């Protein structure tokens, strides 16, 4: 897997956020609280999805920086 440049990381972070949220919300409903509404599950899933998006972008930018310094 190639490292993203900072521009690619900024462009892809919203996609990672949406995909993370789409994964976390059903898990929230199925595993943790089956009586929660979808909007409650979305609110509970926002911190996780945000953290995953920022973390994923950070890892890729750090890898890009390391590969650039090594070259």
N, C-alpha and C. Protein backbone atom coordinates (compact mmCIF):
# COMPACT_ATOMS: atom_id res chain seq x y z
N UNK A 1 0.84 -1.16 0.00
CA UNK A 1 0.00 0.00 0.00
C UNK A 1 0.90 1.24 0.00
N UNK A 2 0.64 2.14 -0.90
CA UNK A 2 1.41 3.37 -0.98
C UNK A 2 0.95 4.35 0.08
N UNK A 3 1.90 5.15 0.55
CA UNK A 3 1.55 6.20 1.51
C UNK A 3 0.88 7.35 0.77
N UNK A 4 -0.06 7.99 1.44
CA UNK A 4 -0.72 9.15 0.86
C UNK A 4 0.13 10.39 1.08
N UNK A 5 0.11 11.29 0.14
CA UNK A 5 0.70 12.60 0.35
C UNK A 5 -0.24 13.37 1.28
N UNK A 6 0.21 14.47 1.86
CA UNK A 6 -0.70 15.24 2.71
C UNK A 6 -1.98 15.68 1.98
N UNK A 7 -1.86 16.01 0.71
CA UNK A 7 -3.04 16.41 -0.06
C UNK A 7 -4.01 15.24 -0.20
N UNK A 8 -3.48 14.06 -0.49
CA UNK A 8 -4.35 12.87 -0.62
C UNK A 8 -5.00 12.52 0.72
N UNK A 9 -4.24 12.67 1.80
CA UNK A 9 -4.81 12.38 3.12
C UNK A 9 -5.96 13.33 3.44
N UNK A 10 -5.78 14.61 3.12
CA UNK A 10 -6.85 15.58 3.36
C UNK A 10 -8.07 15.29 2.49
N UNK A 11 -7.83 14.82 1.27
CA UNK A 11 -8.93 14.52 0.37
C UNK A 11 -9.66 13.24 0.79
N UNK A 12 -8.93 12.25 1.31
CA UNK A 12 -9.52 10.96 1.64
C UNK A 12 -10.08 10.88 3.06
N UNK A 13 -9.72 11.81 3.94
CA UNK A 13 -10.19 11.75 5.33
C UNK A 13 -11.72 11.77 5.43
N UNK A 14 -12.44 12.61 4.67
CA UNK A 14 -13.91 12.54 4.77
C UNK A 14 -14.49 11.19 4.35
N UNK A 15 -13.89 10.56 3.36
CA UNK A 15 -14.35 9.24 2.94
C UNK A 15 -14.14 8.22 4.05
N UNK A 16 -12.98 8.26 4.68
CA UNK A 16 -12.70 7.35 5.80
C UNK A 16 -13.69 7.62 6.94
N UNK A 17 -14.01 8.89 7.19
CA UNK A 17 -14.97 9.24 8.23
C UNK A 17 -16.34 8.63 7.94
N UNK A 18 -16.82 8.79 6.72
CA UNK A 18 -18.15 8.27 6.35
C UNK A 18 -18.16 6.74 6.43
N UNK A 19 -17.13 6.10 5.93
CA UNK A 19 -17.08 4.64 5.99
C UNK A 19 -16.98 4.15 7.43
N UNK A 20 -16.23 4.86 8.26
CA UNK A 20 -16.13 4.48 9.67
C UNK A 20 -17.49 4.62 10.36
N UNK A 21 -18.16 5.72 10.08
CA UNK A 21 -19.47 5.94 10.68
C UNK A 21 -20.47 4.89 10.20
N UNK A 22 -20.39 4.54 8.92
CA UNK A 22 -21.28 3.51 8.38
C UNK A 22 -21.01 2.15 9.00
N UNK A 23 -19.81 1.93 9.50
CA UNK A 23 -19.48 0.67 10.17
C UNK A 23 -19.84 0.71 11.64
N UNK A 24 -19.60 1.83 12.29
CA UNK A 24 -19.80 1.94 13.74
C UNK A 24 -21.28 1.97 14.10
N UNK A 25 -22.10 2.64 13.33
CA UNK A 25 -23.52 2.79 13.69
C UNK A 25 -24.25 1.45 13.78
N UNK A 26 -24.13 0.57 12.78
CA UNK A 26 -24.82 -0.73 12.95
C UNK A 26 -24.26 -1.54 14.12
N UNK A 27 -22.95 -1.44 14.36
CA UNK A 27 -22.39 -2.16 15.51
C UNK A 27 -22.94 -1.61 16.82
N UNK A 28 -23.08 -0.32 16.88
CA UNK A 28 -23.66 0.31 18.07
C UNK A 28 -25.07 -0.22 18.32
N UNK A 29 -25.85 -0.32 17.26
CA UNK A 29 -27.23 -0.79 17.41
C UNK A 29 -27.29 -2.28 17.73
N UNK A 30 -26.44 -3.07 17.09
CA UNK A 30 -26.50 -4.53 17.27
C UNK A 30 -25.85 -4.99 18.57
N UNK A 31 -24.73 -4.40 18.91
CA UNK A 31 -23.94 -4.94 20.02
C UNK A 31 -24.23 -4.24 21.34
N UNK A 32 -24.25 -2.92 21.33
CA UNK A 32 -24.26 -2.20 22.59
C UNK A 32 -25.66 -1.84 23.09
N UNK A 33 -26.51 -1.33 22.22
CA UNK A 33 -27.82 -0.88 22.69
C UNK A 33 -28.85 -1.08 21.58
N UNK A 34 -29.56 -2.17 21.65
CA UNK A 34 -30.53 -2.48 20.59
C UNK A 34 -31.76 -1.59 20.66
N UNK A 35 -31.96 -0.88 21.75
CA UNK A 35 -33.13 0.00 21.86
C UNK A 35 -32.84 1.42 21.41
N UNK A 36 -31.60 1.72 21.07
CA UNK A 36 -31.23 3.08 20.64
C UNK A 36 -31.81 3.37 19.27
N UNK A 37 -32.12 4.63 19.04
CA UNK A 37 -32.55 5.05 17.71
C UNK A 37 -31.31 5.23 16.84
N UNK A 38 -31.54 5.35 15.55
CA UNK A 38 -30.41 5.53 14.63
C UNK A 38 -29.69 6.84 14.93
N UNK A 39 -30.43 7.89 15.23
CA UNK A 39 -29.77 9.17 15.52
C UNK A 39 -28.92 9.09 16.78
N UNK A 40 -29.38 8.36 17.79
CA UNK A 40 -28.57 8.16 19.00
C UNK A 40 -27.31 7.38 18.68
N UNK A 41 -27.43 6.37 17.83
CA UNK A 41 -26.27 5.58 17.45
C UNK A 41 -25.27 6.41 16.65
N UNK A 42 -25.78 7.30 15.80
CA UNK A 42 -24.89 8.19 15.04
C UNK A 42 -24.14 9.11 15.99
N UNK A 43 -24.84 9.69 16.95
CA UNK A 43 -24.19 10.60 17.91
C UNK A 43 -23.13 9.85 18.71
N UNK A 44 -23.42 8.64 19.12
CA UNK A 44 -22.43 7.85 19.87
C UNK A 44 -21.26 7.42 18.99
N UNK A 45 -21.49 7.24 17.71
CA UNK A 45 -20.44 6.79 16.80
C UNK A 45 -19.55 7.90 16.27
N UNK A 46 -19.96 9.16 16.43
CA UNK A 46 -19.17 10.28 15.90
C UNK A 46 -17.75 10.34 16.43
N UNK A 47 -17.51 10.21 17.74
CA UNK A 47 -16.12 10.27 18.21
C UNK A 47 -15.25 9.16 17.64
N UNK A 48 -15.80 7.96 17.54
CA UNK A 48 -15.02 6.84 16.99
C UNK A 48 -14.69 7.07 15.53
N UNK A 49 -15.67 7.48 14.75
CA UNK A 49 -15.43 7.72 13.33
C UNK A 49 -14.45 8.87 13.11
N UNK A 50 -14.56 9.91 13.92
CA UNK A 50 -13.63 11.04 13.80
C UNK A 50 -12.22 10.60 14.14
N UNK A 51 -12.08 9.85 15.21
CA UNK A 51 -10.76 9.36 15.60
C UNK A 51 -10.15 8.46 14.55
N UNK A 52 -10.94 7.59 13.97
CA UNK A 52 -10.43 6.71 12.92
C UNK A 52 -9.99 7.50 11.68
N UNK A 53 -10.76 8.49 11.29
CA UNK A 53 -10.41 9.30 10.12
C UNK A 53 -9.11 10.06 10.35
N UNK A 54 -8.99 10.73 11.50
CA UNK A 54 -7.76 11.46 11.80
C UNK A 54 -6.57 10.52 11.95
N UNK A 55 -6.78 9.42 12.64
CA UNK A 55 -5.70 8.45 12.82
C UNK A 55 -5.22 7.87 11.51
N UNK A 56 -6.14 7.50 10.65
CA UNK A 56 -5.78 6.93 9.36
C UNK A 56 -5.00 7.94 8.52
N UNK A 57 -5.46 9.18 8.49
CA UNK A 57 -4.75 10.22 7.74
C UNK A 57 -3.38 10.47 8.35
N UNK A 58 -3.28 10.52 9.67
CA UNK A 58 -2.00 10.77 10.32
C UNK A 58 -0.99 9.67 10.00
N UNK A 59 -1.42 8.42 10.08
CA UNK A 59 -0.51 7.31 9.79
C UNK A 59 0.00 7.39 8.36
N UNK A 60 -0.86 7.71 7.43
CA UNK A 60 -0.42 7.79 6.04
C UNK A 60 0.52 8.96 5.81
N UNK A 61 0.24 10.10 6.41
CA UNK A 61 1.13 11.25 6.25
C UNK A 61 2.48 10.98 6.92
N UNK A 62 2.46 10.35 8.10
CA UNK A 62 3.72 10.01 8.76
C UNK A 62 4.54 9.03 7.92
N UNK A 63 3.87 8.08 7.32
CA UNK A 63 4.58 7.12 6.46
C UNK A 63 5.14 7.82 5.23
N UNK A 64 4.36 8.72 4.64
CA UNK A 64 4.84 9.49 3.49
C UNK A 64 6.07 10.29 3.86
N UNK A 65 6.04 10.94 5.03
CA UNK A 65 7.17 11.75 5.48
C UNK A 65 8.41 10.87 5.69
N UNK A 66 8.23 9.71 6.31
CA UNK A 66 9.34 8.79 6.55
C UNK A 66 9.94 8.30 5.23
N UNK A 67 9.08 7.91 4.28
CA UNK A 67 9.57 7.43 2.98
C UNK A 67 10.30 8.55 2.23
N UNK A 68 9.81 9.78 2.36
CA UNK A 68 10.46 10.91 1.69
C UNK A 68 11.82 11.20 2.28
N UNK A 69 11.94 11.09 3.61
CA UNK A 69 13.24 11.32 4.26
C UNK A 69 14.21 10.19 3.95
N UNK A 70 13.71 8.97 3.79
CA UNK A 70 14.58 7.82 3.54
C UNK A 70 15.11 7.81 2.11
N UNK A 71 14.42 8.47 1.20
CA UNK A 71 14.82 8.46 -0.21
C UNK A 71 15.94 9.42 -0.51
